[in-house]
Amino acid sequence: MTTSHSARRDYRGLVPPALLLLAWFAAGRLGWTNPTLIPPPEQVLAVAWHYLGSGELFRALAASLARDLGGFALGALAGIGLGVLLGVSRWAERLLGPTFHTLKQISLFAWIPLLSIWLGYNDGSRVVFIAVSAFYPVALATFEGVRGVTRAQFEVARVHGFTARQRLTRLILPAAAPQILTGLNLGLVYAWLATIGAEFLLPAYGDIGLGDTVIRGRAAFNVALVIFGMLAIGGVGVALNRVFHRLERRLLRWRGDPR
């Protein structure tokens, strides 16, 4: 039985990073680069081995993920709540909509000075910043998804005698689920970027995290540690995205959704 083209793994996306790695290795071996500024791959691997063996990487990863997922959960819940409220209530949209659409134009990093004044340089301010980062894309996607429910669908619910709660749980949320999940996916991306940004811009003595790993590498002019930290950050971001897409496919399987 032949495997369909869509089911085959496409490894062409690995070609550019493989070529880049080969060029990086060759440049170091041939002495084309300054090893202080661009360390060879084996030096980065040595740093990675040290951080893996000592457990420092796992402690930093656990701290960053705790901030990320905590802030994401808060922002996502608030975003879904506001998005549903604005979507089902014209009165709420007229009252809260202009403020929401104005605040979303403010750069996320513009909130950091205010949060540092109110909450200080600690995990509380970081989690709030991450929550704000996730909140806007989730709220906007939820609002658009709820508003996409058609009058015909509401009429069917009315004919079947749905209560307000049943309309929400059996019509509005299932119909808006694809867009809500798209917003959650984008919110997860924003939350991870905000996690690293918060560790950079809201530092505190003695803190650990992947962002702190890069900061320590910069302070010590240890470029190998900086590169290792960047690769770890990117790898975690890719892993989170893949886990979410698998969860999304499971949640939308009942719809026959091709995603």
Protein backbone atom coordinates (compact mmCIF):
# COMPACT_ATOMS: atom_id res chain seq x y z
CA MET A 1 0.00 0.00 0.00
CA THR A 2 1.57 3.29 -1.10
CA THR A 3 1.76 6.25 1.21
CA SER A 4 -0.09 9.37 0.02
CA HIS A 5 1.96 12.44 -0.80
CA SER A 6 0.35 14.42 2.02
CA ALA A 7 1.30 11.73 4.55
CA ARG A 8 4.98 11.66 3.54
CA ARG A 9 7.43 13.62 5.59
CA ASP A 10 8.95 16.55 3.72
CA TYR A 11 12.54 17.03 4.79
CA ARG A 12 13.31 19.86 2.36
CA GLY A 13 12.91 22.38 5.17
CA LEU A 14 15.99 20.87 6.84
CA VAL A 15 18.24 21.78 3.91
CA PRO A 16 18.83 25.49 4.76
CA PRO A 17 19.78 24.88 8.44
CA ALA A 18 21.97 21.93 7.41
CA LEU A 19 23.80 24.12 4.88
CA LEU A 20 24.14 26.90 7.45
CA LEU A 21 25.56 24.46 10.00
CA LEU A 22 28.00 23.10 7.42
CA ALA A 23 29.12 26.62 6.47
CA TRP A 24 29.51 27.53 10.16
CA PHE A 25 31.64 24.43 10.79
CA ALA A 26 33.77 25.01 7.68
CA ALA A 27 34.31 28.69 8.50
CA GLY A 28 35.60 27.79 11.96
CA ARG A 29 37.88 25.03 10.66
CA LEU A 30 39.35 27.21 7.93
CA GLY A 31 39.90 30.19 10.22
CA TRP A 32 37.59 32.53 8.31
CA THR A 33 35.93 33.84 11.47
CA ASN A 34 37.02 35.28 14.80
CA PRO A 35 36.33 32.45 17.31
CA THR A 36 35.69 35.03 20.05
CA LEU A 37 32.79 36.54 18.09
CA ILE A 38 31.65 33.43 16.19
CA PRO A 39 32.65 30.35 18.17
CA PRO A 40 32.80 27.01 16.32
CA PRO A 41 29.88 24.58 16.68
CA GLU A 42 31.87 22.25 18.92
CA GLN A 43 32.30 25.05 21.46
CA VAL A 44 28.54 25.60 21.54
CA LEU A 45 28.04 21.85 21.92
CA ALA A 46 30.46 21.85 24.86
CA VAL A 47 28.42 24.59 26.55
CA ALA A 48 25.22 22.65 25.84
CA TRP A 49 26.71 19.49 27.33
CA HIS A 50 27.73 21.38 30.48
CA TYR A 51 24.27 22.90 30.93
CA LEU A 52 22.56 19.58 30.31
CA GLY A 53 24.87 17.66 32.62
CA SER A 54 24.65 20.17 35.47
CA GLY A 55 20.87 20.45 35.23
CA GLU A 56 21.06 24.24 34.80
CA LEU A 57 19.19 24.04 31.50
CA PHE A 58 16.25 22.16 33.02
CA ARG A 59 16.00 24.57 35.96
CA ALA A 60 16.06 27.55 33.60
CA LEU A 61 13.53 25.89 31.29
CA ALA A 62 11.18 25.06 34.17
CA ALA A 63 11.29 28.66 35.44
CA SER A 64 10.60 30.14 32.00
CA LEU A 65 7.79 27.69 31.22
CA ALA A 66 6.14 28.34 34.59
CA ARG A 67 6.05 32.08 33.85
CA ASP A 68 4.97 31.51 30.26
CA LEU A 69 2.13 29.07 30.91
CA GLY A 70 0.90 30.95 33.99
CA GLY A 71 0.71 34.24 32.11
CA PHE A 72 -0.75 32.58 29.03
CA ALA A 73 -3.52 30.91 31.05
CA LEU A 74 -4.50 34.20 32.70
CA GLY A 75 -4.42 36.14 29.43
CA ALA A 76 -6.26 33.45 27.47
CA LEU A 77 -9.09 33.13 30.01
CA ALA A 78 -9.53 36.90 30.18
CA GLY A 79 -9.36 37.15 26.38
CA ILE A 80 -11.98 34.46 25.80
CA GLY A 81 -14.25 36.02 28.41
CA LEU A 82 -14.05 39.52 26.94
CA GLY A 83 -14.26 38.25 23.36
CA VAL A 84 -17.45 36.31 24.08
CA LEU A 85 -18.95 39.27 25.94
CA LEU A 86 -18.22 41.70 23.10
CA GLY A 87 -19.44 39.18 20.55
CA VAL A 88 -22.81 38.38 22.11
CA SER A 89 -23.68 41.81 23.50
CA ARG A 90 -23.98 44.89 21.29
CA TRP A 91 -24.31 46.98 24.45
CA ALA A 92 -21.00 45.65 25.80
CA GLU A 93 -19.32 46.25 22.46
CA ARG A 94 -20.46 49.89 22.41
CA LEU A 95 -19.33 50.37 26.03
CA LEU A 96 -16.04 48.43 26.08
CA GLY A 97 -15.14 48.00 22.42
CA PRO A 98 -13.62 51.46 21.81
CA THR A 99 -11.39 51.15 24.88
CA PHE A 100 -10.29 47.64 23.92
CA HIS A 101 -9.47 48.60 20.32
CA THR A 102 -7.55 51.66 21.54
CA LEU A 103 -5.48 49.81 24.14
CA LYS A 104 -4.50 47.08 21.69
CA GLN A 105 -2.65 49.73 19.65
CA ILE A 106 -0.20 50.32 22.51
CA SER A 107 3.08 48.49 22.01
CA LEU A 108 3.32 45.59 24.44
CA PHE A 109 6.75 46.64 25.66
CA ALA A 110 5.39 50.08 26.52
CA TRP A 111 3.63 48.38 29.47
CA ILE A 112 6.91 47.32 31.10
CA PRO A 113 7.80 50.66 32.78
CA LEU A 114 4.32 50.91 34.28
CA LEU A 115 4.33 47.29 35.48
CA SER A 116 7.78 47.69 37.02
CA ILE A 117 6.57 50.75 38.95
CA TRP A 118 3.34 49.09 40.13
CA LEU A 119 4.60 45.54 40.79
CA GLY A 120 8.38 45.82 40.91
CA TYR A 121 11.00 43.60 39.31
CA ASN A 122 9.66 40.17 40.18
CA ASP A 123 7.74 37.23 38.75
CA GLY A 124 4.42 38.95 39.41
CA SER A 125 5.17 41.75 36.96
CA ARG A 126 6.51 39.27 34.41
CA VAL A 127 3.41 37.06 34.57
CA VAL A 128 1.13 40.09 34.19
CA PHE A 129 3.14 41.26 31.17
CA ILE A 130 2.91 37.80 29.59
CA ALA A 131 -0.84 37.74 30.30
CA VAL A 132 -1.30 41.11 28.58
CA SER A 133 0.67 39.81 25.58
CA ALA A 134 -1.61 36.77 25.21
CA PHE A 135 -4.82 38.63 26.02
CA TYR A 136 -5.21 40.78 22.89
CA PRO A 137 -4.90 38.15 20.12
CA VAL A 138 -7.15 35.73 22.04
CA ALA A 139 -9.81 38.38 22.73
CA LEU A 140 -9.83 39.62 19.14
CA ALA A 141 -10.02 36.13 17.61
CA THR A 142 -12.78 35.11 20.03
CA PHE A 143 -14.78 38.26 19.24
CA GLU A 144 -14.51 37.64 15.48
CA GLY A 145 -15.40 33.96 15.90
CA VAL A 146 -18.50 34.70 17.98
CA ARG A 147 -19.61 37.41 15.56
CA GLY A 148 -19.25 34.89 12.74
CA VAL A 149 -22.13 32.79 14.08
CA THR A 150 -24.96 33.30 11.58
CA ARG A 151 -28.56 34.32 12.18
CA ALA A 152 -29.66 31.02 10.69
CA GLN A 153 -27.72 29.14 13.37
CA PHE A 154 -29.30 31.26 16.09
CA GLU A 155 -32.72 30.59 14.56
CA VAL A 156 -32.13 26.83 14.73
CA ALA A 157 -31.17 27.20 18.40
CA ARG A 158 -34.35 29.21 19.04
CA VAL A 159 -36.50 26.59 17.33
CA HIS A 160 -34.98 23.89 19.55
CA GLY A 161 -35.68 25.98 22.64
CA PHE A 162 -32.08 26.48 23.74
CA THR A 163 -31.58 28.41 26.94
CA ALA A 164 -28.99 31.22 27.07
CA ARG A 165 -26.47 28.81 28.59
CA GLN A 166 -27.17 26.18 25.93
CA ARG A 167 -26.76 28.77 23.17
CA LEU A 168 -23.34 29.61 24.59
CA THR A 169 -22.07 26.07 25.20
CA ARG A 170 -23.76 24.21 22.32
CA LEU A 171 -23.83 26.83 19.57
CA ILE A 172 -21.61 29.89 20.05
CA LEU A 173 -18.45 28.31 21.48
CA PRO A 174 -18.42 25.26 19.16
CA ALA A 175 -19.08 27.44 16.09
CA ALA A 176 -16.37 29.90 17.09
CA ALA A 177 -13.90 27.19 18.17
CA PRO A 178 -11.63 27.30 15.06
CA GLN A 179 -11.05 31.05 15.40
CA ILE A 180 -10.71 30.85 19.18
CA LEU A 181 -8.03 28.18 18.76
CA THR A 182 -6.27 30.31 16.15
CA GLY A 183 -6.23 33.15 18.68
CA LEU A 184 -4.95 30.83 21.40
CA ASN A 185 -2.16 29.66 19.11
CA LEU A 186 -1.15 33.24 18.36
CA GLY A 187 -1.47 34.11 22.05
CA LEU A 188 0.86 31.23 22.92
CA VAL A 189 3.45 32.57 20.47
CA TYR A 190 3.15 36.09 21.90
CA ALA A 191 3.35 34.73 25.45
CA TRP A 192 6.62 32.91 24.77
CA LEU A 193 8.15 35.99 23.13
CA ALA A 194 6.96 38.06 26.08
CA THR A 195 8.45 35.55 28.53
CA ILE A 196 11.93 36.02 27.13
CA GLY A 197 11.38 39.77 26.79
CA ALA A 198 10.26 40.01 30.42
CA GLU A 199 13.32 38.10 31.61
CA PHE A 200 15.47 40.58 29.69
CA LEU A 201 13.68 43.78 30.67
CA LEU A 202 12.40 42.93 34.17
CA PRO A 203 15.48 41.23 35.63
CA ALA A 204 15.90 40.47 39.32
CA TYR A 205 18.94 39.28 41.22
CA GLY A 206 19.17 35.52 41.54
CA ASP A 207 16.48 34.77 38.95
CA ILE A 208 16.82 31.88 36.53
CA GLY A 209 15.33 31.37 33.10
CA LEU A 210 16.33 30.95 29.47
CA GLY A 211 16.40 34.71 29.05
CA ASP A 212 18.71 34.96 32.04
CA THR A 213 21.00 32.39 30.40
CA VAL A 214 21.45 34.67 27.41
CA ILE A 215 21.94 37.70 29.67
CA ARG A 216 24.72 35.93 31.60
CA GLY A 217 26.38 34.94 28.33
CA ARG A 218 26.32 38.55 27.15
CA ALA A 219 27.67 39.84 30.47
CA ALA A 220 30.58 37.37 30.34
CA PHE A 221 31.10 37.92 26.60
CA ASN A 222 30.51 34.20 26.20
CA VAL A 223 29.09 34.08 22.68
CA ALA A 224 28.81 30.28 22.77
CA LEU A 225 26.46 30.55 25.75
CA VAL A 226 24.44 33.26 23.99
CA ILE A 227 24.05 31.07 20.89
CA PHE A 228 23.13 28.05 23.00
CA GLY A 229 20.50 30.12 24.84
CA MET A 230 19.05 31.38 21.56
CA LEU A 231 18.84 27.85 20.16
CA ALA A 232 17.16 26.61 23.34
CA ILE A 233 14.61 29.45 23.20
CA GLY A 234 13.83 28.70 19.56
CA GLY A 235 13.57 24.97 20.21
CA VAL A 236 11.10 25.47 23.06
CA GLY A 237 9.01 27.80 20.89
CA VAL A 238 8.84 25.19 18.11
CA ALA A 239 7.92 22.47 20.61
CA LEU A 240 5.11 24.55 22.13
CA ASN A 241 3.74 25.29 18.67
CA ARG A 242 3.75 21.62 17.66
CA VAL A 243 2.10 20.50 20.88
CA PHE A 244 -0.64 23.10 20.43
CA HIS A 245 -1.28 22.09 16.80
CA ARG A 246 -1.70 18.46 17.85
CA LEU A 247 -4.12 19.49 20.56
CA GLU A 248 -5.98 21.69 18.08
CA ARG A 249 -6.44 18.81 15.64
CA ARG A 250 -7.82 16.63 18.43
CA LEU A 251 -10.25 19.31 19.60
CA LEU A 252 -11.54 19.98 16.08
CA ARG A 253 -11.71 16.34 14.99
CA TRP A 254 -15.47 16.23 15.64
CA ARG A 255 -15.94 18.93 12.98
CA GLY A 256 -13.99 17.04 10.35
CA ASP A 257 -11.73 20.10 10.24
CA PRO A 258 -8.76 19.49 7.87
CA ARG A 259 -6.41 21.35 10.18
